Amino acid sequence: MSSSIDWNDVIKKEARGSNDEDLGEVQELSNGYVLVQRGIINKEEFYIPQDQAESYDGSVLRFRLSEDEMKNKYAGDSFPPSQEQSSTADMGNDQKQEESSGEEESTIPLTEEKLDVSKRTSESQATITKEPTTETKTVEVPVTHEEVTIERRPPSGQTEAQTPVSSTEDVTIPVKKEEVEVTKTPYVKEEVAVKKKPVTETKQVSEEVTSEKINTSDVE
């Protein structure tokens, strides 16, 4: 059916799939393929072989493929090579394979040392020391004492008195006073909580490793 289509007339015409899906507009023909483009901003391009065209009625070019088949097989961004170019490429590859078939290949393993880093747990001790410190503290303590004062006043009763003393005589009057006594009593001032928690840090380990390389200076 595609042989009867006037391909010179399909440019800028509507393209539809086998389920009447809107595939966009025909833009170009090349290498036996039809470029169909859909969308303005997010453009989709389908490069469909001409032999997949089913009919053309002068305004709509219809293909025998569904939209999903188009997306899976023919979505792209450039024209595929023509069948002649593909055949030429395949011939070139076959020729290269024939040319390389006479080569001999030897495999030389190259070894290298790698660093295997492991971790082991060791145990140490953290020592917390309590030591006495001496400081002087001053505390103000109110103390009371009795003092002797002399007050002169007229007699309030009997006016007769004994014979005055003929020599010095001491009259003792007891007086009281408070004295400060200091004692020391230990008490728990505060508590210190000792906790352990894991802390992770990164350490660099450097070690020389040996590897092999090929020296081709003696190869002719």
N, C-alpha and C. Protein backbone atom coordinates (compact mmCIF):
# COMPACT_ATOMS: atom_id res chain seq x y z
N MET A 1 0.83 -1.20 0.00
CA MET A 1 0.00 0.00 0.00
C MET A 1 0.86 1.25 0.00
N SER A 2 2.06 1.20 0.68
CA SER A 2 2.91 2.39 0.76
C SER A 2 3.48 2.79 -0.59
N SER A 3 3.53 1.83 -1.55
CA SER A 3 4.06 2.15 -2.88
C SER A 3 3.15 3.09 -3.66
N SER A 4 1.88 3.13 -3.28
CA SER A 4 0.94 3.99 -4.00
C SER A 4 0.81 5.37 -3.38
N ILE A 5 1.56 5.63 -2.34
CA ILE A 5 1.46 6.92 -1.66
C ILE A 5 2.36 7.92 -2.35
N ASP A 6 1.83 9.11 -2.57
CA ASP A 6 2.62 10.21 -3.13
C ASP A 6 3.43 10.83 -1.99
N TRP A 7 4.65 10.39 -1.84
CA TRP A 7 5.45 10.83 -0.70
C TRP A 7 5.82 12.30 -0.78
N ASN A 8 5.80 12.87 -1.96
CA ASN A 8 6.11 14.29 -2.08
C ASN A 8 4.99 15.16 -1.50
N ASP A 9 3.85 14.57 -1.23
CA ASP A 9 2.69 15.34 -0.79
C ASP A 9 2.42 15.19 0.70
N VAL A 10 3.16 14.31 1.37
CA VAL A 10 2.83 14.02 2.77
C VAL A 10 3.49 14.99 3.75
N ILE A 11 4.46 15.80 3.30
CA ILE A 11 5.15 16.71 4.20
C ILE A 11 4.15 17.71 4.78
N LYS A 12 4.25 17.93 6.10
CA LYS A 12 3.39 18.84 6.85
C LYS A 12 1.95 18.35 6.93
N LYS A 13 1.75 17.06 6.72
CA LYS A 13 0.40 16.50 6.83
C LYS A 13 0.29 15.71 8.14
N GLU A 14 -0.94 15.51 8.57
CA GLU A 14 -1.21 14.83 9.83
C GLU A 14 -0.88 13.35 9.74
N ALA A 15 -0.34 12.79 10.85
CA ALA A 15 -0.01 11.37 10.92
C ALA A 15 -0.81 10.74 12.05
N ARG A 16 -1.37 9.55 11.78
CA ARG A 16 -2.16 8.86 12.80
C ARG A 16 -1.77 7.38 12.85
N GLY A 17 -1.99 6.77 14.05
CA GLY A 17 -1.65 5.38 14.25
C GLY A 17 -2.80 4.46 13.91
N SER A 18 -2.58 3.16 14.16
CA SER A 18 -3.58 2.15 13.78
C SER A 18 -4.86 2.27 14.60
N ASN A 19 -4.76 2.85 15.81
CA ASN A 19 -5.95 3.07 16.63
C ASN A 19 -6.43 4.51 16.55
N ASP A 20 -6.09 5.18 15.43
CA ASP A 20 -6.47 6.57 15.17
C ASP A 20 -5.84 7.53 16.19
N GLU A 21 -4.66 7.16 16.76
CA GLU A 21 -3.99 8.06 17.67
C GLU A 21 -3.33 9.20 16.89
N ASP A 22 -3.30 10.37 17.46
CA ASP A 22 -2.67 11.53 16.84
C ASP A 22 -1.17 11.43 17.08
N LEU A 23 -0.42 11.18 16.03
CA LEU A 23 1.03 11.04 16.15
C LEU A 23 1.78 12.34 15.87
N GLY A 24 1.09 13.35 15.39
CA GLY A 24 1.74 14.61 15.10
C GLY A 24 1.70 14.94 13.63
N GLU A 25 2.82 15.47 13.13
CA GLU A 25 2.88 15.96 11.76
C GLU A 25 4.14 15.43 11.08
N VAL A 26 3.99 15.09 9.80
CA VAL A 26 5.12 14.61 9.00
C VAL A 26 6.05 15.79 8.73
N GLN A 27 7.35 15.60 9.03
CA GLN A 27 8.32 16.68 8.87
C GLN A 27 9.30 16.45 7.73
N GLU A 28 9.73 15.18 7.52
CA GLU A 28 10.82 14.96 6.58
C GLU A 28 10.87 13.50 6.19
N LEU A 29 11.48 13.21 5.04
CA LEU A 29 11.71 11.84 4.56
C LEU A 29 13.19 11.67 4.31
N SER A 30 13.76 10.53 4.73
CA SER A 30 15.18 10.27 4.49
C SER A 30 15.48 8.81 4.75
N ASN A 31 16.34 8.23 3.90
CA ASN A 31 16.83 6.86 4.07
C ASN A 31 15.70 5.84 4.20
N GLY A 32 14.56 6.12 3.59
CA GLY A 32 13.45 5.19 3.67
C GLY A 32 12.64 5.32 4.95
N TYR A 33 12.81 6.41 5.71
CA TYR A 33 12.10 6.64 6.95
C TYR A 33 11.31 7.94 6.87
N VAL A 34 10.25 7.99 7.67
CA VAL A 34 9.41 9.17 7.76
C VAL A 34 9.60 9.77 9.16
N LEU A 35 9.97 11.07 9.22
CA LEU A 35 10.09 11.75 10.50
C LEU A 35 8.73 12.37 10.84
N VAL A 36 8.14 11.89 11.95
CA VAL A 36 6.87 12.42 12.45
C VAL A 36 7.16 13.09 13.79
N GLN A 37 6.74 14.36 13.91
CA GLN A 37 7.01 15.13 15.13
C GLN A 37 5.71 15.54 15.79
N ARG A 38 5.68 15.36 17.14
CA ARG A 38 4.49 15.72 17.90
C ARG A 38 4.88 16.64 19.05
N GLY A 39 4.07 17.68 19.27
CA GLY A 39 4.32 18.62 20.36
C GLY A 39 5.11 19.83 19.90
N ILE A 40 5.02 20.90 20.73
CA ILE A 40 5.72 22.15 20.40
C ILE A 40 6.88 22.37 21.38
N ILE A 41 6.61 22.25 22.67
CA ILE A 41 7.67 22.48 23.66
C ILE A 41 8.39 21.16 23.95
N ASN A 42 7.65 20.19 24.45
CA ASN A 42 8.22 18.85 24.68
C ASN A 42 7.99 18.00 23.44
N LYS A 43 8.89 18.11 22.50
CA LYS A 43 8.71 17.46 21.20
C LYS A 43 9.02 15.97 21.30
N GLU A 44 8.20 15.18 20.61
CA GLU A 44 8.45 13.75 20.44
C GLU A 44 8.70 13.50 18.95
N GLU A 45 9.74 12.73 18.65
CA GLU A 45 10.08 12.44 17.26
C GLU A 45 10.06 10.93 17.04
N PHE A 46 9.39 10.54 15.94
CA PHE A 46 9.32 9.13 15.56
C PHE A 46 9.92 8.99 14.15
N TYR A 47 10.84 8.07 14.00
CA TYR A 47 11.47 7.79 12.71
C TYR A 47 10.93 6.43 12.25
N ILE A 48 9.88 6.47 11.40
CA ILE A 48 9.10 5.29 11.06
C ILE A 48 9.46 4.84 9.63
N PRO A 49 9.71 3.55 9.45
CA PRO A 49 9.97 3.07 8.08
C PRO A 49 8.77 3.36 7.17
N GLN A 50 9.08 3.71 5.92
CA GLN A 50 7.99 4.05 4.99
C GLN A 50 7.08 2.85 4.72
N ASP A 51 7.62 1.64 4.81
CA ASP A 51 6.78 0.48 4.52
C ASP A 51 5.76 0.21 5.62
N GLN A 52 5.80 0.97 6.74
CA GLN A 52 4.79 0.84 7.77
C GLN A 52 3.59 1.75 7.53
N ALA A 53 3.67 2.57 6.46
CA ALA A 53 2.53 3.43 6.12
C ALA A 53 1.43 2.57 5.50
N GLU A 54 0.21 2.80 5.93
CA GLU A 54 -0.92 2.00 5.45
C GLU A 54 -1.73 2.73 4.38
N SER A 55 -1.98 4.01 4.53
CA SER A 55 -2.79 4.75 3.55
C SER A 55 -2.53 6.23 3.69
N TYR A 56 -2.89 6.95 2.65
CA TYR A 56 -2.81 8.41 2.65
C TYR A 56 -3.98 8.93 1.83
N ASP A 57 -4.82 9.78 2.46
CA ASP A 57 -6.03 10.26 1.78
C ASP A 57 -5.91 11.70 1.33
N GLY A 58 -4.70 12.22 1.29
CA GLY A 58 -4.48 13.60 0.87
C GLY A 58 -4.32 14.55 2.04
N SER A 59 -4.74 14.15 3.24
CA SER A 59 -4.60 15.02 4.41
C SER A 59 -4.06 14.26 5.63
N VAL A 60 -4.28 12.96 5.68
CA VAL A 60 -3.84 12.16 6.82
C VAL A 60 -3.05 10.96 6.32
N LEU A 61 -1.83 10.81 6.87
CA LEU A 61 -1.00 9.64 6.57
C LEU A 61 -1.18 8.66 7.73
N ARG A 62 -1.72 7.49 7.46
CA ARG A 62 -2.01 6.50 8.49
C ARG A 62 -0.97 5.38 8.45
N PHE A 63 -0.60 4.94 9.67
CA PHE A 63 0.36 3.85 9.81
C PHE A 63 -0.35 2.64 10.40
N ARG A 64 0.22 1.46 10.15
CA ARG A 64 -0.37 0.23 10.67
C ARG A 64 0.16 -0.12 12.06
N LEU A 65 0.80 0.85 12.73
CA LEU A 65 1.36 0.67 14.06
C LEU A 65 0.59 1.52 15.07
N SER A 66 0.50 1.02 16.31
CA SER A 66 -0.15 1.79 17.37
C SER A 66 0.85 2.79 17.96
N GLU A 67 0.33 3.69 18.80
CA GLU A 67 1.19 4.70 19.42
C GLU A 67 2.24 4.04 20.32
N ASP A 68 1.84 3.00 21.07
CA ASP A 68 2.81 2.32 21.94
C ASP A 68 3.92 1.66 21.14
N GLU A 69 3.55 1.06 20.01
CA GLU A 69 4.58 0.45 19.15
C GLU A 69 5.52 1.51 18.60
N MET A 70 4.98 2.68 18.28
CA MET A 70 5.82 3.78 17.79
C MET A 70 6.84 4.18 18.85
N LYS A 71 6.37 4.34 20.10
CA LYS A 71 7.27 4.77 21.17
C LYS A 71 8.33 3.72 21.46
N ASN A 72 7.95 2.46 21.43
CA ASN A 72 8.89 1.39 21.77
C ASN A 72 9.92 1.14 20.68
N LYS A 73 9.54 1.33 19.41
CA LYS A 73 10.42 0.94 18.31
C LYS A 73 11.08 2.11 17.59
N TYR A 74 10.34 3.22 17.44
CA TYR A 74 10.80 4.23 16.49
C TYR A 74 10.99 5.61 17.10
N ALA A 75 10.93 5.77 18.41
CA ALA A 75 11.23 7.06 19.02
C ALA A 75 12.73 7.29 18.98
N GLY A 76 13.15 8.52 18.68
CA GLY A 76 14.58 8.81 18.61
C GLY A 76 14.83 10.27 18.36
N ASP A 77 16.09 10.60 18.02
CA ASP A 77 16.44 11.99 17.76
C ASP A 77 17.21 12.17 16.46
N SER A 78 17.33 11.12 15.65
CA SER A 78 17.99 11.24 14.34
C SER A 78 17.55 10.08 13.46
N PHE A 79 17.73 10.26 12.16
CA PHE A 79 17.36 9.21 11.22
C PHE A 79 18.27 8.00 11.38
N PRO A 80 17.71 6.80 11.40
CA PRO A 80 18.55 5.59 11.38
C PRO A 80 19.28 5.48 10.04
N PRO A 81 20.40 4.74 10.01
CA PRO A 81 21.08 4.54 8.73
C PRO A 81 20.22 3.70 7.79
N SER A 82 20.42 3.93 6.50
CA SER A 82 19.67 3.16 5.51
C SER A 82 20.13 1.70 5.53
N GLN A 83 19.35 0.85 4.92
CA GLN A 83 19.70 -0.58 4.89
C GLN A 83 21.02 -0.80 4.18
N GLU A 84 21.30 0.03 3.14
CA GLU A 84 22.56 -0.14 2.42
C GLU A 84 23.74 0.22 3.33
N GLN A 85 23.57 1.32 4.13
CA GLN A 85 24.64 1.70 5.04
C GLN A 85 24.86 0.63 6.11
N SER A 86 23.74 0.05 6.58
CA SER A 86 23.87 -1.01 7.58
C SER A 86 24.59 -2.20 7.01
N SER A 87 24.28 -2.54 5.78
CA SER A 87 24.95 -3.68 5.15
C SER A 87 26.43 -3.40 4.99
N THR A 88 26.79 -2.15 4.60
CA THR A 88 28.19 -1.79 4.44
C THR A 88 28.93 -1.87 5.77
N ALA A 89 28.26 -1.39 6.83
CA ALA A 89 28.89 -1.45 8.16
C ALA A 89 29.10 -2.88 8.60
N ASP A 90 28.11 -3.75 8.33
CA ASP A 90 28.25 -5.15 8.70
C ASP A 90 29.39 -5.80 7.94
N MET A 91 29.52 -5.44 6.66
CA MET A 91 30.62 -6.01 5.87
C MET A 91 31.96 -5.56 6.42
N GLY A 92 32.03 -4.27 6.83
CA GLY A 92 33.29 -3.79 7.40
C GLY A 92 33.63 -4.52 8.68
N ASN A 93 32.61 -4.78 9.50
CA ASN A 93 32.86 -5.50 10.74
C ASN A 93 33.32 -6.93 10.47
N ASP A 94 32.69 -7.57 9.46
CA ASP A 94 33.10 -8.92 9.10
C ASP A 94 34.53 -8.94 8.63
N GLN A 95 34.89 -7.89 7.85
CA GLN A 95 36.25 -7.84 7.33
C GLN A 95 37.26 -7.68 8.47
N LYS A 96 36.91 -6.82 9.46
CA LYS A 96 37.81 -6.63 10.58
C LYS A 96 37.97 -7.93 11.37
N GLN A 97 36.86 -8.66 11.51
CA GLN A 97 36.94 -9.92 12.24
C GLN A 97 37.82 -10.91 11.50
N GLU A 98 37.72 -10.90 10.15
CA GLU A 98 38.57 -11.81 9.39
C GLU A 98 40.03 -11.41 9.51
N GLU A 99 40.31 -10.06 9.50
CA GLU A 99 41.69 -9.62 9.62
C GLU A 99 42.25 -9.96 10.99
N SER A 100 41.40 -9.85 12.01
CA SER A 100 41.90 -10.10 13.35
C SER A 100 41.94 -11.58 13.70
N SER A 101 41.35 -12.41 12.84
CA SER A 101 41.31 -13.84 13.17
C SER A 101 42.70 -14.47 13.15
N GLY A 102 43.67 -13.82 12.47
CA GLY A 102 45.01 -14.39 12.41
C GLY A 102 45.88 -13.97 13.58
N GLU A 103 45.36 -13.10 14.45
CA GLU A 103 46.16 -12.64 15.57
C GLU A 103 46.16 -13.67 16.69
N GLU A 104 47.29 -13.71 17.40
CA GLU A 104 47.40 -14.57 18.57
C GLU A 104 47.38 -13.70 19.82
N GLU A 105 46.73 -14.18 20.80
CA GLU A 105 46.57 -13.41 22.02
C GLU A 105 47.07 -14.20 23.22
N SER A 106 47.85 -13.52 24.05
CA SER A 106 48.33 -14.11 25.31
C SER A 106 47.85 -13.25 26.46
N THR A 107 47.44 -13.88 27.49
CA THR A 107 46.93 -13.16 28.66
C THR A 107 47.96 -13.20 29.77
N ILE A 108 48.33 -12.02 30.26
CA ILE A 108 49.31 -11.92 31.35
C ILE A 108 48.60 -11.32 32.55
N PRO A 109 48.43 -12.06 33.61
CA PRO A 109 47.77 -11.49 34.80
C PRO A 109 48.69 -10.53 35.53
N LEU A 110 48.17 -9.41 35.93
CA LEU A 110 48.89 -8.42 36.72
C LEU A 110 48.29 -8.40 38.12
N THR A 111 49.14 -8.54 39.10
CA THR A 111 48.65 -8.59 40.47
C THR A 111 48.95 -7.29 41.20
N GLU A 112 48.22 -7.05 42.22
CA GLU A 112 48.39 -5.86 43.05
C GLU A 112 47.96 -6.19 44.47
N GLU A 113 48.68 -5.63 45.42
CA GLU A 113 48.31 -5.82 46.81
C GLU A 113 47.23 -4.82 47.20
N LYS A 114 46.34 -5.25 48.02
CA LYS A 114 45.31 -4.36 48.54
C LYS A 114 45.37 -4.37 50.06
N LEU A 115 44.94 -3.30 50.64
CA LEU A 115 44.96 -3.18 52.09
C LEU A 115 43.68 -3.77 52.68
N ASP A 116 43.86 -4.73 53.55
CA ASP A 116 42.73 -5.28 54.30
C ASP A 116 42.81 -4.74 55.72
N VAL A 117 41.91 -3.86 56.05
CA VAL A 117 41.94 -3.18 57.34
C VAL A 117 40.89 -3.81 58.25
N SER A 118 41.31 -4.23 59.42
CA SER A 118 40.39 -4.80 60.41
C SER A 118 40.53 -4.01 61.72
N LYS A 119 39.59 -4.21 62.60
CA LYS A 119 39.60 -3.50 63.88
C LYS A 119 39.56 -4.52 65.01
N ARG A 120 40.29 -4.24 66.08
CA ARG A 120 40.22 -5.07 67.27
C ARG A 120 39.98 -4.17 68.48
N THR A 121 39.37 -4.70 69.47
CA THR A 121 39.01 -3.93 70.66
C THR A 121 40.04 -4.18 71.75
N SER A 122 40.64 -3.13 72.24
CA SER A 122 41.58 -3.23 73.35
C SER A 122 40.96 -2.52 74.56
N GLU A 123 41.49 -2.83 75.73
CA GLU A 123 40.92 -2.29 76.95
C GLU A 123 41.98 -1.55 77.73
N SER A 124 41.65 -0.37 78.19
CA SER A 124 42.54 0.41 79.03
C SER A 124 41.74 0.91 80.23
N GLN A 125 42.38 1.67 81.08
CA GLN A 125 41.71 2.15 82.28
C GLN A 125 41.75 3.67 82.32
N ALA A 126 40.64 4.23 82.74
CA ALA A 126 40.58 5.67 82.99
C ALA A 126 40.58 5.87 84.50
N THR A 127 41.54 6.62 85.00
CA THR A 127 41.70 6.82 86.45
C THR A 127 41.15 8.17 86.85
N ILE A 128 40.26 8.15 87.83
CA ILE A 128 39.71 9.37 88.38
C ILE A 128 40.25 9.52 89.80
N THR A 129 40.93 10.60 90.07
CA THR A 129 41.63 10.79 91.34
C THR A 129 40.90 11.81 92.20
N LYS A 130 40.69 11.46 93.48
CA LYS A 130 40.18 12.41 94.46
C LYS A 130 41.34 12.86 95.35
N GLU A 131 41.52 14.13 95.52
CA GLU A 131 42.61 14.62 96.36
C GLU A 131 42.08 15.74 97.26
N PRO A 132 42.63 15.85 98.44
CA PRO A 132 42.16 16.90 99.36
C PRO A 132 42.72 18.26 98.99
N THR A 133 41.93 19.25 99.14
CA THR A 133 42.38 20.63 98.97
C THR A 133 42.01 21.40 100.24
N THR A 134 42.90 22.26 100.67
CA THR A 134 42.71 22.99 101.91
C THR A 134 42.46 24.46 101.60
N GLU A 135 41.44 24.99 102.24
CA GLU A 135 41.15 26.40 102.10
C GLU A 135 40.67 26.92 103.45
N THR A 136 40.80 28.18 103.64
CA THR A 136 40.41 28.82 104.90
C THR A 136 39.05 29.47 104.73
N LYS A 137 38.13 29.09 105.59
CA LYS A 137 36.80 29.67 105.58
C LYS A 137 36.60 30.50 106.85
N THR A 138 35.97 31.62 106.73
CA THR A 138 35.71 32.50 107.85
C THR A 138 34.22 32.58 108.10
N VAL A 139 33.81 32.32 109.33
CA VAL A 139 32.40 32.35 109.72
C VAL A 139 32.24 33.34 110.87
N GLU A 140 31.31 34.21 110.76
CA GLU A 140 31.03 35.17 111.83
C GLU A 140 30.05 34.56 112.82
N VAL A 141 30.46 34.49 114.10
CA VAL A 141 29.65 33.89 115.16
C VAL A 141 29.41 34.95 116.25
N PRO A 142 28.18 35.31 116.54
CA PRO A 142 27.94 36.26 117.64
C PRO A 142 28.13 35.58 119.00
N VAL A 143 28.94 36.16 119.88
CA VAL A 143 29.18 35.64 121.23
C VAL A 143 28.81 36.73 122.25
N THR A 144 28.40 36.29 123.40
CA THR A 144 27.95 37.22 124.47
C THR A 144 28.85 37.06 125.70
N HIS A 145 29.18 38.18 126.33
CA HIS A 145 29.93 38.15 127.58
C HIS A 145 29.38 39.23 128.52
N GLU A 146 29.63 39.07 129.80
CA GLU A 146 29.17 40.02 130.81
C GLU A 146 30.31 40.97 131.17
N GLU A 147 29.99 42.23 131.31
CA GLU A 147 30.95 43.23 131.72
C GLU A 147 30.49 43.86 133.05
N VAL A 148 31.41 44.26 133.85
CA VAL A 148 31.12 44.89 135.16
C VAL A 148 31.15 46.41 134.99
N THR A 149 30.08 47.02 135.40
CA THR A 149 30.02 48.49 135.39
C THR A 149 29.71 48.98 136.81
N ILE A 150 30.15 50.15 137.10
CA ILE A 150 29.96 50.73 138.45
C ILE A 150 29.02 51.92 138.31
N GLU A 151 27.99 51.88 139.09
CA GLU A 151 27.01 52.96 139.08
C GLU A 151 26.90 53.53 140.51
N ARG A 152 27.04 54.76 140.75
CA ARG A 152 26.97 55.40 142.07
C ARG A 152 25.57 55.98 142.25
N ARG A 153 24.95 55.72 143.40
CA ARG A 153 23.63 56.25 143.68
C ARG A 153 23.44 56.35 145.20
N PRO A 154 22.53 57.12 145.69
CA PRO A 154 22.30 57.27 147.14
C PRO A 154 21.76 55.98 147.71
N PRO A 155 22.00 55.78 149.04
CA PRO A 155 21.50 54.56 149.67
C PRO A 155 19.97 54.59 149.71
N SER A 156 19.39 53.48 149.54
CA SER A 156 17.94 53.41 149.51
C SER A 156 17.34 52.97 150.82
N GLY A 157 18.19 52.58 151.82
CA GLY A 157 17.62 52.06 153.07
C GLY A 157 18.48 52.46 154.25
N GLN A 158 18.98 51.49 154.95
CA GLN A 158 19.78 51.71 156.17
C GLN A 158 20.99 52.57 155.87
N THR A 159 21.20 53.57 156.72
CA THR A 159 22.31 54.49 156.51
C THR A 159 23.51 54.16 157.35
N GLU A 160 23.34 53.26 158.36
CA GLU A 160 24.47 52.86 159.18
C GLU A 160 25.30 51.84 158.44
N ALA A 161 26.60 51.91 158.62
CA ALA A 161 27.49 51.00 157.90
C ALA A 161 28.51 50.44 158.84
N GLN A 162 29.15 49.42 158.38
CA GLN A 162 30.23 48.82 159.14
C GLN A 162 31.43 49.75 159.16
N THR A 163 32.34 49.41 159.98
CA THR A 163 33.57 50.20 160.05
C THR A 163 34.30 50.06 158.73
N PRO A 164 34.80 51.16 158.21
CA PRO A 164 35.51 51.05 156.92
C PRO A 164 36.71 50.11 157.03
N VAL A 165 37.03 49.53 155.98
CA VAL A 165 38.15 48.59 155.95
C VAL A 165 39.42 49.35 156.19
N SER A 166 40.32 48.65 156.82
CA SER A 166 41.60 49.28 157.12
C SER A 166 42.67 48.95 156.09
N SER A 167 42.35 48.03 155.21
CA SER A 167 43.34 47.69 154.15
C SER A 167 42.58 47.34 152.85
N THR A 168 43.35 47.09 151.85
CA THR A 168 42.74 46.81 150.54
C THR A 168 42.00 45.48 150.58
N GLU A 169 40.79 45.51 150.05
CA GLU A 169 39.97 44.28 150.04
C GLU A 169 39.37 44.09 148.65
N ASP A 170 39.52 42.88 148.14
CA ASP A 170 38.98 42.57 146.81
C ASP A 170 37.59 41.97 146.93
N VAL A 171 36.70 42.47 146.14
CA VAL A 171 35.35 41.91 146.06
C VAL A 171 35.22 41.20 144.71
N THR A 172 34.96 39.96 144.77
CA THR A 172 34.90 39.16 143.53
C THR A 172 33.46 39.05 143.05
N ILE A 173 33.26 39.38 141.81
CA ILE A 173 31.94 39.30 141.19
C ILE A 173 32.06 38.36 139.97
N PRO A 174 31.35 37.28 139.94
CA PRO A 174 31.46 36.36 138.78
C PRO A 174 30.79 36.96 137.52
N VAL A 175 31.47 36.85 136.44
CA VAL A 175 30.93 37.30 135.14
C VAL A 175 31.00 36.12 134.15
N LYS A 176 30.09 36.13 133.21
CA LYS A 176 30.00 35.05 132.22
C LYS A 176 30.34 35.57 130.81
N LYS A 177 30.87 34.67 130.03
CA LYS A 177 31.11 34.98 128.60
C LYS A 177 31.04 33.70 127.76
N GLU A 178 30.63 33.84 126.51
CA GLU A 178 30.55 32.70 125.58
C GLU A 178 31.86 32.58 124.81
N GLU A 179 32.30 31.39 124.68
CA GLU A 179 33.51 31.13 123.90
C GLU A 179 33.15 30.27 122.69
N VAL A 180 33.89 30.44 121.63
CA VAL A 180 33.64 29.74 120.35
C VAL A 180 34.42 28.44 120.32
N GLU A 181 33.71 27.37 120.07
CA GLU A 181 34.34 26.06 119.88
C GLU A 181 34.10 25.62 118.43
N VAL A 182 35.14 25.22 117.76
CA VAL A 182 35.05 24.83 116.35
C VAL A 182 35.27 23.33 116.22
N THR A 183 34.29 22.67 115.62
CA THR A 183 34.44 21.25 115.27
C THR A 183 34.17 21.10 113.78
N LYS A 184 34.73 20.10 113.17
CA LYS A 184 34.55 19.85 111.73
C LYS A 184 33.82 18.53 111.53
N THR A 185 32.75 18.59 110.71
CA THR A 185 31.94 17.41 110.43
C THR A 185 31.88 17.20 108.92
N PRO A 186 32.30 16.06 108.40
CA PRO A 186 32.22 15.84 106.94
C PRO A 186 30.78 15.61 106.49
N TYR A 187 30.46 16.10 105.30
CA TYR A 187 29.15 15.89 104.69
C TYR A 187 29.33 15.76 103.18
N VAL A 188 28.35 15.22 102.53
CA VAL A 188 28.41 15.05 101.06
C VAL A 188 28.00 16.35 100.39
N LYS A 189 28.94 17.01 99.78
CA LYS A 189 28.67 18.30 99.13
C LYS A 189 27.99 18.12 97.79
N GLU A 190 28.44 17.17 96.95
CA GLU A 190 27.88 16.92 95.64
C GLU A 190 28.29 15.53 95.18
N GLU A 191 27.68 15.08 94.09
CA GLU A 191 28.02 13.80 93.49
C GLU A 191 28.57 14.01 92.09
N VAL A 192 29.51 13.19 91.71
CA VAL A 192 30.09 13.24 90.37
C VAL A 192 29.68 11.96 89.65
N ALA A 193 28.95 12.11 88.53
CA ALA A 193 28.53 10.96 87.74
C ALA A 193 29.56 10.67 86.65
N VAL A 194 30.05 9.47 86.59
CA VAL A 194 31.03 9.06 85.59
C VAL A 194 30.30 8.21 84.55
N LYS A 195 30.29 8.67 83.30
CA LYS A 195 29.60 7.97 82.23
C LYS A 195 30.59 7.56 81.14
N LYS A 196 30.22 6.50 80.43
CA LYS A 196 31.00 6.06 79.27
C LYS A 196 30.10 6.09 78.05
N LYS A 197 30.60 6.63 76.93
CA LYS A 197 29.85 6.62 75.69
C LYS A 197 30.82 6.42 74.53
N PRO A 198 30.38 5.73 73.48
CA PRO A 198 31.27 5.52 72.33
C PRO A 198 31.41 6.78 71.48
N VAL A 199 32.61 7.06 71.06
CA VAL A 199 32.92 8.20 70.20
C VAL A 199 33.66 7.67 68.98
N THR A 200 33.14 7.93 67.80
CA THR A 200 33.74 7.43 66.55
C THR A 200 34.56 8.53 65.89
N GLU A 201 35.77 8.21 65.51
CA GLU A 201 36.62 9.13 64.78
C GLU A 201 37.28 8.38 63.62
N THR A 202 37.68 9.11 62.63
CA THR A 202 38.30 8.53 61.43
C THR A 202 39.81 8.66 61.51
N LYS A 203 40.49 7.54 61.37
CA LYS A 203 41.95 7.55 61.37
C LYS A 203 42.46 7.10 60.01
N GLN A 204 43.54 7.71 59.57
CA GLN A 204 44.15 7.34 58.30
C GLN A 204 45.24 6.30 58.54
N VAL A 205 45.18 5.25 57.73
CA VAL A 205 46.17 4.18 57.81
C VAL A 205 46.93 4.16 56.50
N SER A 206 48.22 4.32 56.54
CA SER A 206 49.06 4.35 55.34
C SER A 206 50.00 3.15 55.36
N GLU A 207 50.09 2.48 54.24
CA GLU A 207 50.98 1.33 54.11
C GLU A 207 51.37 1.19 52.65
N GLU A 208 52.58 0.79 52.39
CA GLU A 208 53.04 0.60 51.02
C GLU A 208 52.47 -0.70 50.45
N VAL A 209 51.99 -0.63 49.22
CA VAL A 209 51.50 -1.82 48.53
C VAL A 209 52.28 -1.97 47.22
N THR A 210 52.40 -3.19 46.76
CA THR A 210 53.15 -3.50 45.55
C THR A 210 52.20 -3.97 44.47
N SER A 211 52.39 -3.46 43.26
CA SER A 211 51.59 -3.89 42.12
C SER A 211 52.51 -4.15 40.94
N GLU A 212 52.02 -4.86 39.96
CA GLU A 212 52.80 -5.19 38.78
C GLU A 212 52.35 -4.34 37.60
N LYS A 213 53.28 -4.02 36.74
CA LYS A 213 52.95 -3.30 35.51
C LYS A 213 53.75 -3.89 34.37
N ILE A 214 53.30 -3.62 33.17
CA ILE A 214 53.97 -4.14 31.97
C ILE A 214 54.98 -3.13 31.47
N ASN A 215 56.20 -3.61 31.23
CA ASN A 215 57.24 -2.78 30.63
C ASN A 215 57.40 -3.21 29.18
N THR A 216 57.04 -2.33 28.25
CA THR A 216 57.05 -2.68 26.83
C THR A 216 58.28 -2.13 26.12
N SER A 217 59.29 -1.68 26.87
CA SER A 217 60.46 -1.07 26.22
C SER A 217 61.26 -2.09 25.42
N ASP A 218 61.18 -3.38 25.80
CA ASP A 218 61.95 -4.41 25.08
C ASP A 218 61.15 -5.10 23.99
N VAL A 219 59.90 -4.68 23.79
CA VAL A 219 59.09 -5.31 22.76
C VAL A 219 59.37 -4.65 21.42
N GLU A 220 59.71 -5.46 20.40
CA GLU A 220 59.97 -4.93 19.08
C GLU A 220 58.74 -5.02 18.22
